[in-house]
Amino acid sequence: MIREVEGDILLSQTQVIAHGIAPQDPFDTGLALALRERWPSLVADYRHAAHGKAHQPGDIWCWSGVDDKGGVRSIVNLLTQDSLHAGHSAKPGKATLKNVGHTLRELAKYITSENVKSVALPRLATGVGGLDWSDVKPLIEKHLGELNVDVIVYEVYRKNFQADERLG
């Protein structure tokens, strides 16, 4: 079931937080920056993994770490954006609907294989990614709507506000 809420996704009680990035993302804007500030090892691990195998648009990269309460926080990085240039000088480009579709398909596989019961997403690829929500929302419904899990879409960001996710 997909539910739209207002609140701070960093306070989500879901098993997984998913968000969009670029292959060579510096994690310096938007939700990526907030995640980097809360879990600095996320970015270090992402960069280390990229040295072993270059991340490609349409892929996902999964990470788990310890949150401030001693629990495990899982984050799925959805590579929704293209890169401008190549190699170490690459900069994040804009998201594409093709990449969003591929990443959501991969996220659905991950949710099923890992027995995930709940996932939180922002309005994916609409901030830095530059896409229109009216184009992205149907893709979320298509790829995640039929799963038997709670899908919580943070439509409106409200810092330090706990959303009523109604999980379970």
C-alpha atoms as a PDB file:
ATOM      1  CA  MET A   1       0.000   0.000   0.000  1.00  0.00           C
ATOM      2  CA  ILE A   2       1.306   3.448  -0.927  1.00  0.00           C
ATOM      3  CA  ARG A   3       0.665   6.307   1.498  1.00  0.00           C
ATOM      4  CA  GLU A   4       1.675   9.929   1.121  1.00  0.00           C
ATOM      5  CA  VAL A   5       2.725  11.804   4.259  1.00  0.00           C
ATOM      6  CA  GLU A   6       4.226  15.063   5.459  1.00  0.00           C
ATOM      7  CA  GLY A   7       7.241  14.980   7.737  1.00  0.00           C
ATOM      8  CA  ASP A   8      10.949  14.344   8.090  1.00  0.00           C
ATOM      9  CA  ILE A   9      11.981  11.179   6.242  1.00  0.00           C
ATOM     10  CA  LEU A  10      15.029  10.901   8.523  1.00  0.00           C
ATOM     11  CA  LEU A  11      12.601  10.150  11.362  1.00  0.00           C
ATOM     12  CA  SER A  12      10.905   7.384   9.404  1.00  0.00           C
ATOM     13  CA  GLN A  13      10.204   4.129  11.232  1.00  0.00           C
ATOM     14  CA  THR A  14      10.299   2.101   8.005  1.00  0.00           C
ATOM     15  CA  GLN A  15      12.856  -0.656   7.520  1.00  0.00           C
ATOM     16  CA  VAL A  16      14.365   1.054   4.494  1.00  0.00           C
ATOM     17  CA  ILE A  17      14.810   4.617   3.281  1.00  0.00           C
ATOM     18  CA  ALA A  18      15.301   4.887  -0.494  1.00  0.00           C
ATOM     19  CA  HIS A  19      16.435   8.016  -2.321  1.00  0.00           C
ATOM     20  CA  GLY A  20      17.829   9.092  -5.682  1.00  0.00           C
ATOM     21  CA  ILE A  21      21.457   9.916  -6.465  1.00  0.00           C
ATOM     22  CA  ALA A  22      23.934  10.022  -9.362  1.00  0.00           C
ATOM     23  CA  PRO A  23      26.772   7.527  -9.984  1.00  0.00           C
ATOM     24  CA  GLN A  24      29.483   9.977  -8.814  1.00  0.00           C
ATOM     25  CA  ASP A  25      27.256  11.779  -6.328  1.00  0.00           C
ATOM     26  CA  PRO A  26      29.038  14.020  -3.798  1.00  0.00           C
ATOM     27  CA  PHE A  27      26.053  13.776  -1.395  1.00  0.00           C
ATOM     28  CA  ASP A  28      26.157  17.554  -0.994  1.00  0.00           C
ATOM     29  CA  THR A  29      22.538  18.628  -1.593  1.00  0.00           C
ATOM     30  CA  GLY A  30      19.027  17.742  -0.485  1.00  0.00           C
ATOM     31  CA  LEU A  31      18.253  14.435   1.178  1.00  0.00           C
ATOM     32  CA  ALA A  32      21.641  13.006   0.188  1.00  0.00           C
ATOM     33  CA  LEU A  33      23.351  15.724   2.246  1.00  0.00           C
ATOM     34  CA  ALA A  34      21.081  15.061   5.243  1.00  0.00           C
ATOM     35  CA  LEU A  35      21.889  11.338   5.023  1.00  0.00           C
ATOM     36  CA  ARG A  36      25.617  12.091   4.747  1.00  0.00           C
ATOM     37  CA  GLU A  37      25.466  14.283   7.844  1.00  0.00           C
ATOM     38  CA  ARG A  38      23.620  11.637   9.854  1.00  0.00           C
ATOM     39  CA  TRP A  39      25.552   8.579   8.567  1.00  0.00           C
ATOM     40  CA  PRO A  40      28.970   9.708   7.241  1.00  0.00           C
ATOM     41  CA  SER A  41      30.035   6.095   6.707  1.00  0.00           C
ATOM     42  CA  LEU A  42      27.292   5.759   4.067  1.00  0.00           C
ATOM     43  CA  VAL A  43      29.215   8.057   1.732  1.00  0.00           C
ATOM     44  CA  ALA A  44      32.615   6.562   2.558  1.00  0.00           C
ATOM     45  CA  ASP A  45      31.281   3.068   1.856  1.00  0.00           C
ATOM     46  CA  TYR A  46      29.598   4.252  -1.369  1.00  0.00           C
ATOM     47  CA  ARG A  47      32.834   5.759  -2.665  1.00  0.00           C
ATOM     48  CA  HIS A  48      34.791   2.648  -1.673  1.00  0.00           C
ATOM     49  CA  ALA A  49      32.282   0.420  -3.488  1.00  0.00           C
ATOM     50  CA  ALA A  50      32.493   2.654  -6.582  1.00  0.00           C
ATOM     51  CA  HIS A  51      36.225   2.006  -6.801  1.00  0.00           C
ATOM     52  CA  GLY A  52      35.538  -1.723  -7.037  1.00  0.00           C
ATOM     53  CA  LYS A  53      32.670  -1.498  -9.532  1.00  0.00           C
ATOM     54  CA  ALA A  54      31.499   1.696 -11.163  1.00  0.00           C
ATOM     55  CA  HIS A  55      27.878   2.503 -10.333  1.00  0.00           C
ATOM     56  CA  GLN A  56      25.623   2.924 -13.361  1.00  0.00           C
ATOM     57  CA  PRO A  57      22.393   4.887 -13.803  1.00  0.00           C
ATOM     58  CA  GLY A  58      19.453   2.557 -13.195  1.00  0.00           C
ATOM     59  CA  ASP A  59      21.314   0.508 -10.556  1.00  0.00           C
ATOM     60  CA  ILE A  60      20.708   0.462  -6.823  1.00  0.00           C
ATOM     61  CA  TRP A  61      23.289   0.348  -4.052  1.00  0.00           C
ATOM     62  CA  CYS A  62      22.207  -0.887  -0.635  1.00  0.00           C
ATOM     63  CA  TRP A  63      23.781   0.109   2.664  1.00  0.00           C
ATOM     64  CA  SER A  64      23.098  -0.670   6.323  1.00  0.00           C
ATOM     65  CA  GLY A  65      24.534   1.019   9.389  1.00  0.00           C
ATOM     66  CA  VAL A  66      23.777   1.689  13.025  1.00  0.00           C
ATOM     67  CA  ASP A  67      21.423   4.539  13.839  1.00  0.00           C
ATOM     68  CA  ASP A  68      21.615   6.864  16.837  1.00  0.00           C
ATOM     69  CA  LYS A  69      19.455   4.482  18.928  1.00  0.00           C
ATOM     70  CA  GLY A  70      21.648   1.458  18.272  1.00  0.00           C
ATOM     71  CA  GLY A  71      19.306  -0.062  15.682  1.00  0.00           C
ATOM     72  CA  VAL A  72      20.083  -0.917  12.104  1.00  0.00           C
ATOM     73  CA  ARG A  73      19.175   1.622   9.415  1.00  0.00           C
ATOM     74  CA  SER A  74      19.054   0.411   5.807  1.00  0.00           C
ATOM     75  CA  ILE A  75      19.316   2.872   2.947  1.00  0.00           C
ATOM     76  CA  VAL A  76      18.852   2.036  -0.713  1.00  0.00           C
ATOM     77  CA  ASN A  77      20.519   4.486  -3.052  1.00  0.00           C
ATOM     78  CA  LEU A  78      18.632   4.623  -6.345  1.00  0.00           C
ATOM     79  CA  LEU A  79      20.825   5.781  -9.212  1.00  0.00           C
ATOM     80  CA  THR A  80      18.159   7.862 -10.916  1.00  0.00           C
ATOM     81  CA  GLN A  81      20.498  10.528 -12.302  1.00  0.00           C
ATOM     82  CA  ASP A  82      22.941  10.417 -15.176  1.00  0.00           C
ATOM     83  CA  SER A  83      26.506  11.701 -14.905  1.00  0.00           C
ATOM     84  CA  LEU A  84      27.947  14.682 -16.689  1.00  0.00           C
ATOM     85  CA  HIS A  85      31.388  13.732 -18.024  1.00  0.00           C
ATOM     86  CA  ALA A  86      33.161  10.509 -17.097  1.00  0.00           C
ATOM     87  CA  GLY A  87      35.674   9.276 -14.553  1.00  0.00           C
ATOM     88  CA  HIS A  88      36.687  11.161 -11.433  1.00  0.00           C
ATOM     89  CA  SER A  89      35.651  14.514 -12.914  1.00  0.00           C
ATOM     90  CA  ALA A  90      32.053  13.335 -13.322  1.00  0.00           C
ATOM     91  CA  LYS A  91      29.333  15.562 -11.924  1.00  0.00           C
ATOM     92  CA  PRO A  92      25.705  14.632 -11.212  1.00  0.00           C
ATOM     93  CA  GLY A  93      23.366  15.216 -14.126  1.00  0.00           C
ATOM     94  CA  LYS A  94      19.586  15.176 -14.203  1.00  0.00           C
ATOM     95  CA  ALA A  95      17.394  12.166 -13.566  1.00  0.00           C
ATOM     96  CA  THR A  96      15.586  10.378 -16.370  1.00  0.00           C
ATOM     97  CA  LEU A  97      12.298   8.504 -16.271  1.00  0.00           C
ATOM     98  CA  LYS A  98      14.110   5.511 -17.788  1.00  0.00           C
ATOM     99  CA  ASN A  99      16.582   5.449 -14.875  1.00  0.00           C
ATOM    100  CA  VAL A 100      13.779   5.924 -12.335  1.00  0.00           C
ATOM    101  CA  GLY A 101      11.887   2.985 -13.822  1.00  0.00           C
ATOM    102  CA  HIS A 102      14.970   0.753 -13.741  1.00  0.00           C
ATOM    103  CA  THR A 103      15.808   1.674 -10.146  1.00  0.00           C
ATOM    104  CA  LEU A 104      12.239   1.128  -8.955  1.00  0.00           C
ATOM    105  CA  ARG A 105      12.204  -2.300 -10.629  1.00  0.00           C
ATOM    106  CA  GLU A 106      15.456  -3.132  -8.815  1.00  0.00           C
ATOM    107  CA  LEU A 107      14.072  -1.753  -5.547  1.00  0.00           C
ATOM    108  CA  ALA A 108      11.006  -4.004  -5.906  1.00  0.00           C
ATOM    109  CA  LYS A 109      13.302  -7.030  -6.380  1.00  0.00           C
ATOM    110  CA  TYR A 110      15.305  -6.009  -3.306  1.00  0.00           C
ATOM    111  CA  ILE A 111      12.160  -5.556  -1.210  1.00  0.00           C
ATOM    112  CA  THR A 112      10.963  -9.027  -2.204  1.00  0.00           C
ATOM    113  CA  SER A 113      14.294 -10.832  -1.799  1.00  0.00           C
ATOM    114  CA  GLU A 114      15.105  -9.217   1.556  1.00  0.00           C
ATOM    115  CA  ASN A 115      11.559  -9.597   2.932  1.00  0.00           C
ATOM    116  CA  VAL A 116      11.292  -5.850   3.541  1.00  0.00           C
ATOM    117  CA  LYS A 117       7.970  -4.852   5.092  1.00  0.00           C
ATOM    118  CA  SER A 118       8.214  -1.056   4.775  1.00  0.00           C
ATOM    119  CA  VAL A 119      10.067   1.548   2.728  1.00  0.00           C
ATOM    120  CA  ALA A 120      10.113   5.355   2.748  1.00  0.00           C
ATOM    121  CA  LEU A 121      10.830   7.492  -0.322  1.00  0.00           C
ATOM    122  CA  PRO A 122      10.889  11.217  -0.979  1.00  0.00           C
ATOM    123  CA  ARG A 123       9.263  12.643  -4.102  1.00  0.00           C
ATOM    124  CA  LEU A 124      11.897  10.741  -6.018  1.00  0.00           C
ATOM    125  CA  ALA A 125      13.998  12.527  -8.659  1.00  0.00           C
ATOM    126  CA  THR A 126      11.970  15.754  -8.448  1.00  0.00           C
ATOM    127  CA  GLY A 127      14.419  17.930  -6.522  1.00  0.00           C
ATOM    128  CA  VAL A 128      17.979  17.870  -7.808  1.00  0.00           C
ATOM    129  CA  GLY A 129      16.888  15.235 -10.348  1.00  0.00           C
ATOM    130  CA  GLY A 130      14.644  17.776 -12.077  1.00  0.00           C
ATOM    131  CA  LEU A 131      11.688  15.547 -13.009  1.00  0.00           C
ATOM    132  CA  ASP A 132       8.003  16.343 -12.591  1.00  0.00           C
ATOM    133  CA  TRP A 133       6.185  14.497  -9.802  1.00  0.00           C
ATOM    134  CA  SER A 134       3.249  13.870 -12.143  1.00  0.00           C
ATOM    135  CA  ASP A 135       5.611  11.745 -14.288  1.00  0.00           C
ATOM    136  CA  VAL A 136       7.380   9.940 -11.426  1.00  0.00           C
ATOM    137  CA  LYS A 137       4.401   9.063  -9.213  1.00  0.00           C
ATOM    138  CA  PRO A 138       2.895   6.616 -11.754  1.00  0.00           C
ATOM    139  CA  LEU A 139       6.226   4.764 -11.900  1.00  0.00           C
ATOM    140  CA  ILE A 140       6.221   4.335  -8.116  1.00  0.00           C
ATOM    141  CA  GLU A 141       2.648   3.041  -8.305  1.00  0.00           C
ATOM    142  CA  LYS A 142       3.538   0.680 -11.162  1.00  0.00           C
ATOM    143  CA  HIS A 143       6.643  -0.869  -9.576  1.00  0.00           C
ATOM    144  CA  LEU A 144       5.849  -0.750  -5.849  1.00  0.00           C
ATOM    145  CA  GLY A 145       2.058  -0.521  -5.659  1.00  0.00           C
ATOM    146  CA  GLU A 146       1.390  -4.248  -6.007  1.00  0.00           C
ATOM    147  CA  LEU A 147       3.929  -5.300  -3.365  1.00  0.00           C
ATOM    148  CA  ASN A 148       2.524  -6.378  -0.034  1.00  0.00           C
ATOM    149  CA  VAL A 149       4.529  -3.760   1.885  1.00  0.00           C
ATOM    150  CA  ASP A 150       4.041  -0.296   3.324  1.00  0.00           C
ATOM    151  CA  VAL A 151       5.395   2.268   0.849  1.00  0.00           C
ATOM    152  CA  ILE A 152       5.526   5.693   2.477  1.00  0.00           C
ATOM    153  CA  VAL A 153       6.077   8.641   0.134  1.00  0.00           C
ATOM    154  CA  TYR A 154       7.201  11.814   1.884  1.00  0.00           C
ATOM    155  CA  GLU A 155       5.362  14.327  -0.284  1.00  0.00           C
ATOM    156  CA  VAL A 156       6.078  17.339   1.901  1.00  0.00           C
ATOM    157  CA  TYR A 157       9.255  17.767   3.953  1.00  0.00           C
ATOM    158  CA  ARG A 158       8.769  19.101   7.472  1.00  0.00           C
ATOM    159  CA  LYS A 159      12.027  19.138   9.421  1.00  0.00           C
ATOM    160  CA  ASN A 160      11.957  17.293  12.775  1.00  0.00           C
ATOM    161  CA  PHE A 161       8.293  16.330  12.304  1.00  0.00           C
ATOM    162  CA  GLN A 162       7.434  12.658  12.821  1.00  0.00           C
ATOM    163  CA  ALA A 163       4.982  11.600  10.099  1.00  0.00           C
ATOM    164  CA  ASP A 164       2.030   9.356  10.846  1.00  0.00           C
ATOM    165  CA  GLU A 165       3.233   6.435   8.745  1.00  0.00           C
ATOM    166  CA  ARG A 166       0.670   3.926  10.107  1.00  0.00           C
ATOM    167  CA  LEU A 167       2.992   0.965   9.556  1.00  0.00           C
ATOM    168  CA  GLY A 168       1.890  -2.595   9.943  1.00  0.00           C
END
